[in-house]
Amino acid sequence: MAKLQDERIVETAVEARGAERGPTVRNVLVVSLCLVVVAFAVIYFIYFRH
């Protein structure tokens, strides 16, 4: 809970942020990275395969 200290509001990092980052952020990053790797592999096989 926010506290008043020397006429300032003092909060923890989680309180100031309003919420914690859940696994959703990590999942989005992992899935998007995998899709980019697959896209580059497809482009490579289409254009550079002999």
PDB file of N, CA and C in Angstrom:
ATOM      1  N   MET A   1       0.842  -1.174   0.000  1.00  0.00           N
ATOM      2  CA  MET A   1       0.000   0.000   0.000  1.00  0.00           C
ATOM      3  C   MET A   1       0.887   1.236   0.000  1.00  0.00           C
ATOM      4  N   ALA A   2       0.477   2.239  -0.707  1.00  0.00           N
ATOM      5  CA  ALA A   2       1.248   3.467  -0.800  1.00  0.00           C
ATOM      6  C   ALA A   2       1.319   4.147   0.561  1.00  0.00           C
ATOM      7  N   LYS A   3       2.497   4.707   0.835  1.00  0.00           N
ATOM      8  CA  LYS A   3       2.711   5.394   2.108  1.00  0.00           C
ATOM      9  C   LYS A   3       3.108   6.830   1.829  1.00  0.00           C
ATOM     10  N   LEU A   4       2.766   7.709   2.734  1.00  0.00           N
ATOM     11  CA  LEU A   4       3.152   9.103   2.625  1.00  0.00           C
ATOM     12  C   LEU A   4       4.393   9.313   3.467  1.00  0.00           C
ATOM     13  N   GLN A   5       5.491   9.756   2.826  1.00  0.00           N
ATOM     14  CA  GLN A   5       6.753   9.932   3.524  1.00  0.00           C
ATOM     15  C   GLN A   5       7.370  11.245   3.067  1.00  0.00           C
ATOM     16  N   ASP A   6       7.559  12.164   4.005  1.00  0.00           N
ATOM     17  CA  ASP A   6       8.090  13.498   3.690  1.00  0.00           C
ATOM     18  C   ASP A   6       7.289  14.180   2.591  1.00  0.00           C
ATOM     19  N   GLU A   7       5.988  14.093   2.680  1.00  0.00           N
ATOM     20  CA  GLU A   7       5.051  14.679   1.728  1.00  0.00           C
ATOM     21  C   GLU A   7       5.189  14.094   0.322  1.00  0.00           C
ATOM     22  N   ARG A   8       5.713  12.863   0.230  1.00  0.00           N
ATOM     23  CA  ARG A   8       5.820  12.153  -1.042  1.00  0.00           C
ATOM     24  C   ARG A   8       5.125  10.809  -0.905  1.00  0.00           C
ATOM     25  N   ILE A   9       4.596  10.328  -2.000  1.00  0.00           N
ATOM     26  CA  ILE A   9       3.969   9.012  -2.005  1.00  0.00           C
ATOM     27  C   ILE A   9       5.044   7.989  -2.361  1.00  0.00           C
ATOM     28  N   VAL A  10       5.204   6.986  -1.502  1.00  0.00           N
ATOM     29  CA  VAL A  10       6.217   5.955  -1.709  1.00  0.00           C
ATOM     30  C   VAL A  10       5.506   4.627  -1.959  1.00  0.00           C
ATOM     31  N   GLU A  11       5.845   3.991  -3.095  1.00  0.00           N
ATOM     32  CA  GLU A  11       5.249   2.712  -3.462  1.00  0.00           C
ATOM     33  C   GLU A  11       6.352   1.737  -3.863  1.00  0.00           C
ATOM     34  N   THR A  12       6.021   0.470  -3.788  1.00  0.00           N
ATOM     35  CA  THR A  12       6.955  -0.529  -4.291  1.00  0.00           C
ATOM     36  C   THR A  12       6.895  -0.521  -5.818  1.00  0.00           C
ATOM     37  N   ALA A  13       7.845  -1.217  -6.456  1.00  0.00           N
ATOM     38  CA  ALA A  13       7.877  -1.251  -7.916  1.00  0.00           C
ATOM     39  C   ALA A  13       6.619  -1.893  -8.488  1.00  0.00           C
ATOM     40  N   VAL A  14       6.127  -2.954  -7.854  1.00  0.00           N
ATOM     41  CA  VAL A  14       4.924  -3.636  -8.344  1.00  0.00           C
ATOM     42  C   VAL A  14       3.706  -2.728  -8.207  1.00  0.00           C
ATOM     43  N   GLU A  15       3.624  -2.024  -7.109  1.00  0.00           N
ATOM     44  CA  GLU A  15       2.490  -1.105  -6.912  1.00  0.00           C
ATOM     45  C   GLU A  15       2.528   0.030  -7.922  1.00  0.00           C
ATOM     46  N   ALA A  16       3.698   0.560  -8.172  1.00  0.00           N
ATOM     47  CA  ALA A  16       3.811   1.669  -9.109  1.00  0.00           C
ATOM     48  C   ALA A  16       3.491   1.219 -10.530  1.00  0.00           C
ATOM     49  N   ARG A  17       3.881  -0.005 -10.869  1.00  0.00           N
ATOM     50  CA  ARG A  17       3.629  -0.530 -12.207  1.00  0.00           C
ATOM     51  C   ARG A  17       2.163  -0.906 -12.378  1.00  0.00           C
ATOM     52  N   GLY A  18       1.504  -1.228 -11.321  1.00  0.00           N
ATOM     53  CA  GLY A  18       0.087  -1.562 -11.382  1.00  0.00           C
ATOM     54  C   GLY A  18      -0.177  -3.042 -11.512  1.00  0.00           C
ATOM     55  N   ALA A  19       0.810  -3.807 -11.945  1.00  0.00           N
ATOM     56  CA  ALA A  19       0.647  -5.250 -12.082  1.00  0.00           C
ATOM     57  C   ALA A  19       2.005  -5.861 -12.386  1.00  0.00           C
ATOM     58  N   GLU A  20       2.058  -7.153 -12.293  1.00  0.00           N
ATOM     59  CA  GLU A  20       3.288  -7.849 -12.648  1.00  0.00           C
ATOM     60  C   GLU A  20       3.204  -8.317 -14.087  1.00  0.00           C
ATOM     61  N   ARG A  21       4.348  -8.396 -14.718  1.00  0.00           N
ATOM     62  CA  ARG A  21       4.379  -8.966 -16.065  1.00  0.00           C
ATOM     63  C   ARG A  21       4.166 -10.461 -15.925  1.00  0.00           C
ATOM     64  N   GLY A  22       3.209 -10.950 -16.617  1.00  0.00           N
ATOM     65  CA  GLY A  22       2.924 -12.378 -16.547  1.00  0.00           C
ATOM     66  C   GLY A  22       3.676 -13.132 -17.619  1.00  0.00           C
ATOM     67  N   PRO A  23       3.379 -14.394 -17.749  1.00  0.00           N
ATOM     68  CA  PRO A  23       4.047 -15.199 -18.779  1.00  0.00           C
ATOM     69  C   PRO A  23       3.613 -14.816 -20.191  1.00  0.00           C
ATOM     70  N   THR A  24       2.597 -13.980 -20.321  1.00  0.00           N
ATOM     71  CA  THR A  24       2.085 -13.600 -21.633  1.00  0.00           C
ATOM     72  C   THR A  24       3.146 -12.891 -22.460  1.00  0.00           C
ATOM     73  N   VAL A  25       3.899 -12.001 -21.852  1.00  0.00           N
ATOM     74  CA  VAL A  25       4.938 -11.258 -22.567  1.00  0.00           C
ATOM     75  C   VAL A  25       5.987 -12.229 -23.093  1.00  0.00           C
ATOM     76  N   ARG A  26       6.415 -13.151 -22.256  1.00  0.00           N
ATOM     77  CA  ARG A  26       7.413 -14.138 -22.674  1.00  0.00           C
ATOM     78  C   ARG A  26       6.872 -14.995 -23.807  1.00  0.00           C
ATOM     79  N   ASN A  27       5.631 -15.411 -23.714  1.00  0.00           N
ATOM     80  CA  ASN A  27       5.040 -16.260 -24.749  1.00  0.00           C
ATOM     81  C   ASN A  27       4.967 -15.539 -26.090  1.00  0.00           C
ATOM     82  N   VAL A  28       4.589 -14.290 -26.078  1.00  0.00           N
ATOM     83  CA  VAL A  28       4.513 -13.510 -27.317  1.00  0.00           C
ATOM     84  C   VAL A  28       5.896 -13.390 -27.943  1.00  0.00           C
ATOM     85  N   LEU A  29       6.914 -13.131 -27.144  1.00  0.00           N
ATOM     86  CA  LEU A  29       8.268 -13.008 -27.672  1.00  0.00           C
ATOM     87  C   LEU A  29       8.772 -14.321 -28.251  1.00  0.00           C
ATOM     88  N   VAL A  30       8.522 -15.421 -27.579  1.00  0.00           N
ATOM     89  CA  VAL A  30       8.979 -16.723 -28.060  1.00  0.00           C
ATOM     90  C   VAL A  30       8.267 -17.099 -29.357  1.00  0.00           C
ATOM     91  N   VAL A  31       6.965 -16.931 -29.403  1.00  0.00           N
ATOM     92  CA  VAL A  31       6.201 -17.289 -30.597  1.00  0.00           C
ATOM     93  C   VAL A  31       6.614 -16.419 -31.780  1.00  0.00           C
ATOM     94  N   SER A  32       6.771 -15.123 -31.565  1.00  0.00           N
ATOM     95  CA  SER A  32       7.156 -14.246 -32.671  1.00  0.00           C
ATOM     96  C   SER A  32       8.563 -14.560 -33.158  1.00  0.00           C
ATOM     97  N   LEU A  33       9.479 -14.887 -32.263  1.00  0.00           N
ATOM     98  CA  LEU A  33      10.832 -15.258 -32.679  1.00  0.00           C
ATOM     99  C   LEU A  33      10.803 -16.533 -33.517  1.00  0.00           C
ATOM    100  N   CYS A  34      10.016 -17.509 -33.093  1.00  0.00           N
ATOM    101  CA  CYS A  34       9.902 -18.756 -33.854  1.00  0.00           C
ATOM    102  C   CYS A  34       9.311 -18.507 -35.241  1.00  0.00           C
ATOM    103  N   LEU A  35       8.319 -17.648 -35.335  1.00  0.00           N
ATOM    104  CA  LEU A  35       7.721 -17.337 -36.630  1.00  0.00           C
ATOM    105  C   LEU A  35       8.710 -16.642 -37.559  1.00  0.00           C
ATOM    106  N   VAL A  36       9.534 -15.778 -37.021  1.00  0.00           N
ATOM    107  CA  VAL A  36      10.544 -15.103 -37.834  1.00  0.00           C
ATOM    108  C   VAL A  36      11.570 -16.105 -38.350  1.00  0.00           C
ATOM    109  N   VAL A  37      11.996 -17.020 -37.501  1.00  0.00           N
ATOM    110  CA  VAL A  37      12.954 -18.039 -37.929  1.00  0.00           C
ATOM    111  C   VAL A  37      12.353 -18.901 -39.031  1.00  0.00           C
ATOM    112  N   VAL A  38      11.115 -19.306 -38.882  1.00  0.00           N
ATOM    113  CA  VAL A  38      10.447 -20.109 -39.910  1.00  0.00           C
ATOM    114  C   VAL A  38      10.319 -19.308 -41.208  1.00  0.00           C
ATOM    115  N   ALA A  39       9.964 -18.043 -41.112  1.00  0.00           N
ATOM    116  CA  ALA A  39       9.828 -17.209 -42.311  1.00  0.00           C
ATOM    117  C   ALA A  39      11.161 -17.084 -43.040  1.00  0.00           C
ATOM    118  N   PHE A  40      12.254 -16.876 -42.309  1.00  0.00           N
ATOM    119  CA  PHE A  40      13.564 -16.783 -42.947  1.00  0.00           C
ATOM    120  C   PHE A  40      13.951 -18.115 -43.591  1.00  0.00           C
ATOM    121  N   ALA A  41      13.626 -19.227 -42.952  1.00  0.00           N
ATOM    122  CA  ALA A  41      13.931 -20.533 -43.526  1.00  0.00           C
ATOM    123  C   ALA A  41      13.155 -20.748 -44.821  1.00  0.00           C
ATOM    124  N   VAL A  42      11.902 -20.386 -44.842  1.00  0.00           N
ATOM    125  CA  VAL A  42      11.089 -20.525 -46.053  1.00  0.00           C
ATOM    126  C   VAL A  42      11.650 -19.654 -47.172  1.00  0.00           C
ATOM    127  N   ILE A  43      11.978 -18.418 -46.859  1.00  0.00           N
ATOM    128  CA  ILE A  43      12.548 -17.512 -47.868  1.00  0.00           C
ATOM    129  C   ILE A  43      13.861 -18.073 -48.393  1.00  0.00           C
ATOM    130  N   TYR A  44      14.687 -18.611 -47.519  1.00  0.00           N
ATOM    131  CA  TYR A  44      15.970 -19.175 -47.937  1.00  0.00           C
ATOM    132  C   TYR A  44      15.751 -20.344 -48.911  1.00  0.00           C
ATOM    133  N   PHE A  45      14.845 -21.249 -48.555  1.00  0.00           N
ATOM    134  CA  PHE A  45      14.626 -22.423 -49.406  1.00  0.00           C
ATOM    135  C   PHE A  45      13.976 -22.047 -50.728  1.00  0.00           C
ATOM    136  N   ILE A  46      13.190 -21.001 -50.757  1.00  0.00           N
ATOM    137  CA  ILE A  46      12.536 -20.595 -52.004  1.00  0.00           C
ATOM    138  C   ILE A  46      13.528 -19.919 -52.952  1.00  0.00           C
ATOM    139  N   TYR A  47      14.354 -19.023 -52.432  1.00  0.00           N
ATOM    140  CA  TYR A  47      15.192 -18.203 -53.294  1.00  0.00           C
ATOM    141  C   TYR A  47      16.621 -18.713 -53.472  1.00  0.00           C
ATOM    142  N   PHE A  48      17.171 -19.433 -52.516  1.00  0.00           N
ATOM    143  CA  PHE A  48      18.589 -19.752 -52.566  1.00  0.00           C
ATOM    144  C   PHE A  48      18.878 -21.243 -52.725  1.00  0.00           C
ATOM    145  N   ARG A  49      17.860 -22.046 -52.839  1.00  0.00           N
ATOM    146  CA  ARG A  49      18.085 -23.474 -53.042  1.00  0.00           C
ATOM    147  C   ARG A  49      18.342 -23.750 -54.517  1.00  0.00           C
ATOM    148  N   HIS A  50      19.300 -24.557 -54.822  1.00  0.00           N
ATOM    149  CA  HIS A  50      19.641 -24.805 -56.226  1.00  0.00           C
ATOM    150  C   HIS A  50      19.059 -26.093 -56.673  1.00  0.00           C
TER     151      HIS A  50
END
